[in-house]
Amino acid sequence: MKRTALTLLTAGAFATVAFDTFGQSLSPLFGYAKLAPVGLAGATLKSVFGANPSGAAHLLHMMTGLIFYVVGYYFIARPVQRAVLPQLHWSITAAVYGIALWAFALYGMAHLVAGMKPFLGFTGITWVALWGHILYALVAAGILEARGEVFEMPGRRNIATA
């Protein structure tokens, strides 16, 4: 249990660093849009709570990357994939999960919660965010897989190794 929690935090940390490095440094360095995940987190906080206290948006962004997104892969995406398509390689599951995270962030949070245009109007930032979320998911899943951390649903045998 302790090993799993440490691995989840490690995967979330490395994936968040990869996401932020890509979206806030490499993408603009190569002439593409710069991601502003803290800005989106701040707009979400303001919309939901009516305020965005100093530092809260940074905390929300970090907690989302360190914990929430990686836990979603570990407890939902990978177990569902293993139950439905057990032979599918984890990297495909991770890429699809990254696309789902992108849709959640840019449609669910940005549009439905914060009131921005759906997918931020399909501007340059939209596509940088897509690749950033896919990169996040691949890094997080890669670390989990390398450490052998795959959640087994209770009462279910892994038919891929049976």
C-alpha atoms as a PDB file:
ATOM      1  CA  MET A   1       0.000   0.000   0.000  1.00  0.00           C
ATOM      2  CA  LYS A   2       2.776   2.433   0.968  1.00  0.00           C
ATOM      3  CA  ARG A   3       4.773   1.441  -2.137  1.00  0.00           C
ATOM      4  CA  THR A   4       1.727   2.024  -4.339  1.00  0.00           C
ATOM      5  CA  ALA A   5       1.055   5.463  -2.831  1.00  0.00           C
ATOM      6  CA  LEU A   6       4.685   6.467  -3.311  1.00  0.00           C
ATOM      7  CA  THR A   7       4.639   5.218  -6.902  1.00  0.00           C
ATOM      8  CA  LEU A   8       1.414   7.124  -7.620  1.00  0.00           C
ATOM      9  CA  LEU A   9       2.924  10.343  -6.219  1.00  0.00           C
ATOM     10  CA  THR A  10       6.142   9.789  -8.164  1.00  0.00           C
ATOM     11  CA  ALA A  11       4.247   9.139 -11.388  1.00  0.00           C
ATOM     12  CA  GLY A  12       2.083  12.213 -10.827  1.00  0.00           C
ATOM     13  CA  ALA A  13       5.126  14.374 -10.075  1.00  0.00           C
ATOM     14  CA  PHE A  14       7.096  13.328 -13.149  1.00  0.00           C
ATOM     15  CA  ALA A  15       4.008  13.575 -15.363  1.00  0.00           C
ATOM     16  CA  THR A  16       3.203  17.065 -14.073  1.00  0.00           C
ATOM     17  CA  VAL A  17       6.773  18.207 -14.679  1.00  0.00           C
ATOM     18  CA  ALA A  18       6.606  16.770 -18.218  1.00  0.00           C
ATOM     19  CA  PHE A  19       3.249  18.493 -18.865  1.00  0.00           C
ATOM     20  CA  ASP A  20       4.425  21.861 -17.552  1.00  0.00           C
ATOM     21  CA  THR A  21       7.816  21.676 -19.264  1.00  0.00           C
ATOM     22  CA  PHE A  22       6.195  20.846 -22.581  1.00  0.00           C
ATOM     23  CA  GLY A  23       3.315  23.297 -22.339  1.00  0.00           C
ATOM     24  CA  GLN A  24       5.028  26.258 -20.731  1.00  0.00           C
ATOM     25  CA  SER A  25       8.590  25.982 -22.025  1.00  0.00           C
ATOM     26  CA  LEU A  26       9.105  23.762 -25.053  1.00  0.00           C
ATOM     27  CA  SER A  27       5.931  24.637 -26.927  1.00  0.00           C
ATOM     28  CA  PRO A  28       6.516  28.410 -26.865  1.00  0.00           C
ATOM     29  CA  LEU A  29      10.232  27.855 -27.528  1.00  0.00           C
ATOM     30  CA  PHE A  30       9.254  26.175 -30.814  1.00  0.00           C
ATOM     31  CA  GLY A  31       6.752  28.910 -31.706  1.00  0.00           C
ATOM     32  CA  TYR A  32       3.546  27.327 -30.471  1.00  0.00           C
ATOM     33  CA  ALA A  33       1.100  28.426 -27.788  1.00  0.00           C
ATOM     34  CA  LYS A  34       1.994  28.490 -24.102  1.00  0.00           C
ATOM     35  CA  LEU A  35      -0.279  26.610 -21.732  1.00  0.00           C
ATOM     36  CA  ALA A  36      -1.746  28.412 -18.735  1.00  0.00           C
ATOM     37  CA  PRO A  37      -3.059  25.623 -16.472  1.00  0.00           C
ATOM     38  CA  VAL A  38      -2.833  27.832 -13.388  1.00  0.00           C
ATOM     39  CA  GLY A  39      -4.984  30.437 -15.152  1.00  0.00           C
ATOM     40  CA  LEU A  40      -7.611  27.810 -15.908  1.00  0.00           C
ATOM     41  CA  ALA A  41      -7.466  26.566 -12.314  1.00  0.00           C
ATOM     42  CA  GLY A  42      -7.926  30.151 -11.086  1.00  0.00           C
ATOM     43  CA  ALA A  43     -10.904  30.735 -13.381  1.00  0.00           C
ATOM     44  CA  THR A  44     -12.434  27.476 -12.167  1.00  0.00           C
ATOM     45  CA  LEU A  45     -11.975  28.441  -8.502  1.00  0.00           C
ATOM     46  CA  LYS A  46     -13.459  31.879  -9.143  1.00  0.00           C
ATOM     47  CA  SER A  47     -16.463  30.355 -10.930  1.00  0.00           C
ATOM     48  CA  VAL A  48     -17.135  27.692  -8.297  1.00  0.00           C
ATOM     49  CA  PHE A  49     -16.314  29.584  -5.086  1.00  0.00           C
ATOM     50  CA  GLY A  50     -16.563  33.198  -6.196  1.00  0.00           C
ATOM     51  CA  ALA A  51     -12.926  33.816  -5.250  1.00  0.00           C
ATOM     52  CA  ASN A  52      -9.426  32.783  -6.213  1.00  0.00           C
ATOM     53  CA  PRO A  53      -7.216  33.277  -3.151  1.00  0.00           C
ATOM     54  CA  SER A  54      -3.514  33.829  -3.764  1.00  0.00           C
ATOM     55  CA  GLY A  55      -1.787  30.497  -4.355  1.00  0.00           C
ATOM     56  CA  ALA A  56      -4.987  28.461  -4.556  1.00  0.00           C
ATOM     57  CA  ALA A  57      -4.828  28.056  -8.339  1.00  0.00           C
ATOM     58  CA  HIS A  58      -1.238  26.807  -8.148  1.00  0.00           C
ATOM     59  CA  LEU A  59      -2.254  24.365  -5.425  1.00  0.00           C
ATOM     60  CA  LEU A  60      -5.221  23.108  -7.462  1.00  0.00           C
ATOM     61  CA  HIS A  61      -3.032  22.600 -10.538  1.00  0.00           C
ATOM     62  CA  MET A  62      -0.383  20.743  -8.534  1.00  0.00           C
ATOM     63  CA  MET A  63      -2.896  18.543  -6.688  1.00  0.00           C
ATOM     64  CA  THR A  64      -4.628  17.696  -9.942  1.00  0.00           C
ATOM     65  CA  GLY A  65      -1.359  16.579 -11.534  1.00  0.00           C
ATOM     66  CA  LEU A  66       0.234  14.959  -8.492  1.00  0.00           C
ATOM     67  CA  ILE A  67      -2.822  13.045  -7.321  1.00  0.00           C
ATOM     68  CA  PHE A  68      -6.164  13.275  -9.105  1.00  0.00           C
ATOM     69  CA  TYR A  69      -5.229  12.533 -12.723  1.00  0.00           C
ATOM     70  CA  VAL A  70      -2.822   9.695 -11.904  1.00  0.00           C
ATOM     71  CA  VAL A  71      -5.332   8.139  -9.503  1.00  0.00           C
ATOM     72  CA  GLY A  72      -7.921   8.247 -12.306  1.00  0.00           C
ATOM     73  CA  TYR A  73      -5.623   6.246 -14.549  1.00  0.00           C
ATOM     74  CA  TYR A  74      -4.730   3.768 -11.815  1.00  0.00           C
ATOM     75  CA  PHE A  75      -8.246   3.131 -10.466  1.00  0.00           C
ATOM     76  CA  ILE A  76     -10.416   3.708 -13.556  1.00  0.00           C
ATOM     77  CA  ALA A  77      -8.768   3.802 -16.985  1.00  0.00           C
ATOM     78  CA  ARG A  78      -6.364   0.874 -16.669  1.00  0.00           C
ATOM     79  CA  PRO A  79      -8.740  -1.496 -14.814  1.00  0.00           C
ATOM     80  CA  VAL A  80     -11.557  -0.828 -17.308  1.00  0.00           C
ATOM     81  CA  GLN A  81      -9.189  -1.424 -20.220  1.00  0.00           C
ATOM     82  CA  ARG A  82      -7.930  -4.664 -18.647  1.00  0.00           C
ATOM     83  CA  ALA A  83     -11.511  -5.855 -18.154  1.00  0.00           C
ATOM     84  CA  VAL A  84     -12.657  -4.977 -21.689  1.00  0.00           C
ATOM     85  CA  LEU A  85      -9.527  -5.302 -23.862  1.00  0.00           C
ATOM     86  CA  PRO A  86      -6.886  -7.114 -21.781  1.00  0.00           C
ATOM     87  CA  GLN A  87      -4.433  -7.531 -24.679  1.00  0.00           C
ATOM     88  CA  LEU A  88      -4.341  -3.796 -25.451  1.00  0.00           C
ATOM     89  CA  HIS A  89      -0.952  -2.263 -24.667  1.00  0.00           C
ATOM     90  CA  TRP A  90      -0.942   0.154 -21.731  1.00  0.00           C
ATOM     91  CA  SER A  91       0.423   2.975 -23.910  1.00  0.00           C
ATOM     92  CA  ILE A  92      -2.742   2.991 -26.013  1.00  0.00           C
ATOM     93  CA  THR A  93      -4.821   3.157 -22.844  1.00  0.00           C
ATOM     94  CA  ALA A  94      -2.655   6.013 -21.578  1.00  0.00           C
ATOM     95  CA  ALA A  95      -2.974   7.972 -24.848  1.00  0.00           C
ATOM     96  CA  VAL A  96      -6.765   7.583 -24.820  1.00  0.00           C
ATOM     97  CA  TYR A  97      -6.804   8.591 -21.152  1.00  0.00           C
ATOM     98  CA  GLY A  98      -4.770  11.685 -22.047  1.00  0.00           C
ATOM     99  CA  ILE A  99      -7.383  12.619 -24.648  1.00  0.00           C
ATOM    100  CA  ALA A 100     -10.104  12.130 -22.023  1.00  0.00           C
ATOM    101  CA  LEU A 101      -8.182  14.403 -19.611  1.00  0.00           C
ATOM    102  CA  TRP A 102      -7.892  17.016 -22.369  1.00  0.00           C
ATOM    103  CA  ALA A 103     -11.663  16.892 -23.001  1.00  0.00           C
ATOM    104  CA  PHE A 104     -12.344  17.093 -19.264  1.00  0.00           C
ATOM    105  CA  ALA A 105     -10.031  20.098 -18.836  1.00  0.00           C
ATOM    106  CA  LEU A 106     -10.940  22.069 -21.955  1.00  0.00           C
ATOM    107  CA  TYR A 107     -14.623  21.251 -22.224  1.00  0.00           C
ATOM    108  CA  GLY A 108     -15.682  20.204 -18.740  1.00  0.00           C
ATOM    109  CA  MET A 109     -13.707  22.638 -16.626  1.00  0.00           C
ATOM    110  CA  ALA A 110     -12.927  25.512 -19.027  1.00  0.00           C
ATOM    111  CA  HIS A 111     -16.314  25.618 -20.721  1.00  0.00           C
ATOM    112  CA  LEU A 112     -18.939  24.093 -18.449  1.00  0.00           C
ATOM    113  CA  VAL A 113     -17.477  25.321 -15.161  1.00  0.00           C
ATOM    114  CA  ALA A 114     -15.444  28.448 -15.970  1.00  0.00           C
ATOM    115  CA  GLY A 115     -17.639  29.668 -18.851  1.00  0.00           C
ATOM    116  CA  MET A 116     -14.927  29.893 -21.516  1.00  0.00           C
ATOM    117  CA  LYS A 117     -15.396  28.839 -25.138  1.00  0.00           C
ATOM    118  CA  PRO A 118     -15.565  25.053 -25.620  1.00  0.00           C
ATOM    119  CA  PHE A 119     -12.025  23.746 -26.080  1.00  0.00           C
ATOM    120  CA  LEU A 120     -10.889  27.375 -25.784  1.00  0.00           C
ATOM    121  CA  GLY A 121     -12.167  28.071 -29.294  1.00  0.00           C
ATOM    122  CA  PHE A 122      -9.896  25.493 -30.954  1.00  0.00           C
ATOM    123  CA  THR A 123      -6.979  27.915 -31.024  1.00  0.00           C
ATOM    124  CA  GLY A 124      -3.298  27.010 -30.793  1.00  0.00           C
ATOM    125  CA  ILE A 125      -3.517  26.437 -27.049  1.00  0.00           C
ATOM    126  CA  THR A 126      -6.116  23.715 -27.678  1.00  0.00           C
ATOM    127  CA  TRP A 127      -3.678  21.529 -29.575  1.00  0.00           C
ATOM    128  CA  VAL A 128      -0.758  22.153 -27.240  1.00  0.00           C
ATOM    129  CA  ALA A 129      -3.070  21.129 -24.381  1.00  0.00           C
ATOM    130  CA  LEU A 130      -4.034  17.948 -26.256  1.00  0.00           C
ATOM    131  CA  TRP A 131      -0.406  16.862 -26.670  1.00  0.00           C
ATOM    132  CA  GLY A 132       0.406  17.970 -23.131  1.00  0.00           C
ATOM    133  CA  HIS A 133      -2.339  15.810 -21.633  1.00  0.00           C
ATOM    134  CA  ILE A 134      -1.318  12.819 -23.763  1.00  0.00           C
ATOM    135  CA  LEU A 135       2.300  13.306 -22.658  1.00  0.00           C
ATOM    136  CA  TYR A 136       1.164  13.554 -19.024  1.00  0.00           C
ATOM    137  CA  ALA A 137      -0.763  10.277 -19.277  1.00  0.00           C
ATOM    138  CA  LEU A 138       2.068   8.434 -21.054  1.00  0.00           C
ATOM    139  CA  VAL A 139       4.643   9.513 -18.459  1.00  0.00           C
ATOM    140  CA  ALA A 140       2.395   8.665 -15.497  1.00  0.00           C
ATOM    141  CA  ALA A 141       1.323   5.315 -16.946  1.00  0.00           C
ATOM    142  CA  GLY A 142       4.878   4.460 -17.970  1.00  0.00           C
ATOM    143  CA  ILE A 143       6.095   4.886 -14.407  1.00  0.00           C
ATOM    144  CA  LEU A 144       3.198   2.866 -13.000  1.00  0.00           C
ATOM    145  CA  GLU A 145       3.795   0.085 -15.516  1.00  0.00           C
ATOM    146  CA  ALA A 146       7.567   0.072 -14.956  1.00  0.00           C
ATOM    147  CA  ARG A 147       6.942  -0.374 -11.233  1.00  0.00           C
ATOM    148  CA  GLY A 148       4.317  -3.074 -11.830  1.00  0.00           C
ATOM    149  CA  GLU A 149       1.548  -1.017 -10.260  1.00  0.00           C
ATOM    150  CA  VAL A 150      -1.689  -2.197 -11.842  1.00  0.00           C
ATOM    151  CA  PHE A 151      -4.851  -2.090  -9.763  1.00  0.00           C
ATOM    152  CA  GLU A 152      -6.621  -5.434  -9.564  1.00  0.00           C
ATOM    153  CA  MET A 153     -10.379  -5.097  -9.202  1.00  0.00           C
ATOM    154  CA  PRO A 154     -11.593  -7.139  -6.221  1.00  0.00           C
ATOM    155  CA  GLY A 155     -12.930 -10.563  -7.144  1.00  0.00           C
ATOM    156  CA  ARG A 156     -11.584 -10.356 -10.688  1.00  0.00           C
ATOM    157  CA  ARG A 157      -8.822 -12.525 -12.114  1.00  0.00           C
ATOM    158  CA  ASN A 158      -6.420 -10.999 -14.590  1.00  0.00           C
ATOM    159  CA  ILE A 159      -7.336 -12.995 -17.689  1.00  0.00           C
ATOM    160  CA  ALA A 160      -4.323 -11.630 -19.554  1.00  0.00           C
ATOM    161  CA  THR A 161      -1.925 -13.570 -17.329  1.00  0.00           C
ATOM    162  CA  ALA A 162      -4.204 -16.487 -16.409  1.00  0.00           C
END
